[in-house]
Amino acid sequence: MLLADAGNVHFVTQSGLTLGSVLAIVCSWERNKSILLAIIAGLFSWLYVIYFALTRRPGETKP
């Protein structure tokens, strides 16, 4: 029996920021101190996080 056949159709919506977007925004802000670049990084989310991880500078790592 399909869920739609039972008449119980549920729509799940997601609002807000995802974990990848938050990480990208924080990483971008720490590196650039620019709101515009932080917004752009948030749109690219995980792609920017991976880029940031691959291009970290020595001062951006824990001592």
Protein backbone atom coordinates (compact mmCIF):
# COMPACT_ATOMS: atom_id res chain seq x y z
CA MET A 1 0.00 0.00 0.00
CA LEU A 2 1.44 3.32 -1.03
CA LEU A 3 1.41 6.28 1.30
CA ALA A 4 -0.56 8.32 -1.24
CA ASP A 5 -3.17 5.56 -1.48
CA ALA A 6 -3.80 5.79 2.24
CA GLY A 7 -4.62 9.46 1.91
CA ASN A 8 -1.81 10.45 4.24
CA VAL A 9 0.41 12.63 2.13
CA HIS A 10 2.94 14.61 4.13
CA PHE A 11 4.89 17.50 2.77
CA VAL A 12 8.11 18.21 4.58
CA THR A 13 9.68 21.57 4.05
CA GLN A 14 13.04 22.70 5.22
CA SER A 15 13.74 26.27 6.10
CA GLY A 16 16.77 28.01 7.45
CA LEU A 17 20.45 27.43 6.94
CA THR A 18 22.10 24.08 6.47
CA LEU A 19 25.27 23.01 8.24
CA GLY A 20 27.32 23.45 5.07
CA SER A 21 26.07 27.00 4.59
CA VAL A 22 26.88 27.96 8.17
CA LEU A 23 30.38 26.47 7.93
CA ALA A 24 31.01 28.26 4.63
CA ILE A 25 29.83 31.60 6.01
CA VAL A 26 31.99 31.31 9.13
CA CYS A 27 35.07 30.21 7.15
CA SER A 28 34.62 32.99 4.63
CA TRP A 29 34.10 35.62 7.32
CA GLU A 30 37.23 34.51 9.21
CA ARG A 31 39.33 34.71 6.06
CA ASN A 32 37.88 37.76 4.26
CA LYS A 33 35.89 39.82 6.79
CA SER A 34 33.42 40.59 3.98
CA ILE A 35 29.66 40.22 4.22
CA LEU A 36 29.26 39.93 0.44
CA LEU A 37 31.84 37.14 0.17
CA ALA A 38 30.30 35.38 3.18
CA ILE A 39 26.88 35.41 1.46
CA ILE A 40 28.37 34.07 -1.77
CA ALA A 41 30.22 31.34 0.15
CA GLY A 42 26.95 30.44 1.91
CA LEU A 43 25.31 29.94 -1.48
CA PHE A 44 28.07 27.55 -2.56
CA SER A 45 28.06 25.90 0.91
CA TRP A 46 30.01 22.60 0.86
CA LEU A 47 31.99 23.55 -2.25
CA TYR A 48 33.42 26.54 -0.39
CA VAL A 49 34.09 24.49 2.75
CA ILE A 50 36.13 22.00 0.70
CA TYR A 51 37.96 24.84 -1.05
CA PHE A 52 38.73 26.45 2.31
CA ALA A 53 40.05 23.18 3.73
CA LEU A 54 42.35 22.66 0.73
CA THR A 55 43.70 26.23 0.71
CA ARG A 56 44.12 26.95 4.44
CA ARG A 57 46.90 29.27 5.42
CA PRO A 58 49.27 28.48 8.30
CA GLY A 59 47.61 31.14 10.49
CA GLU A 60 44.19 29.51 10.00
CA THR A 61 45.08 26.25 11.74
CA LYS A 62 45.06 25.50 15.44
CA PRO A 63 48.45 26.00 17.14
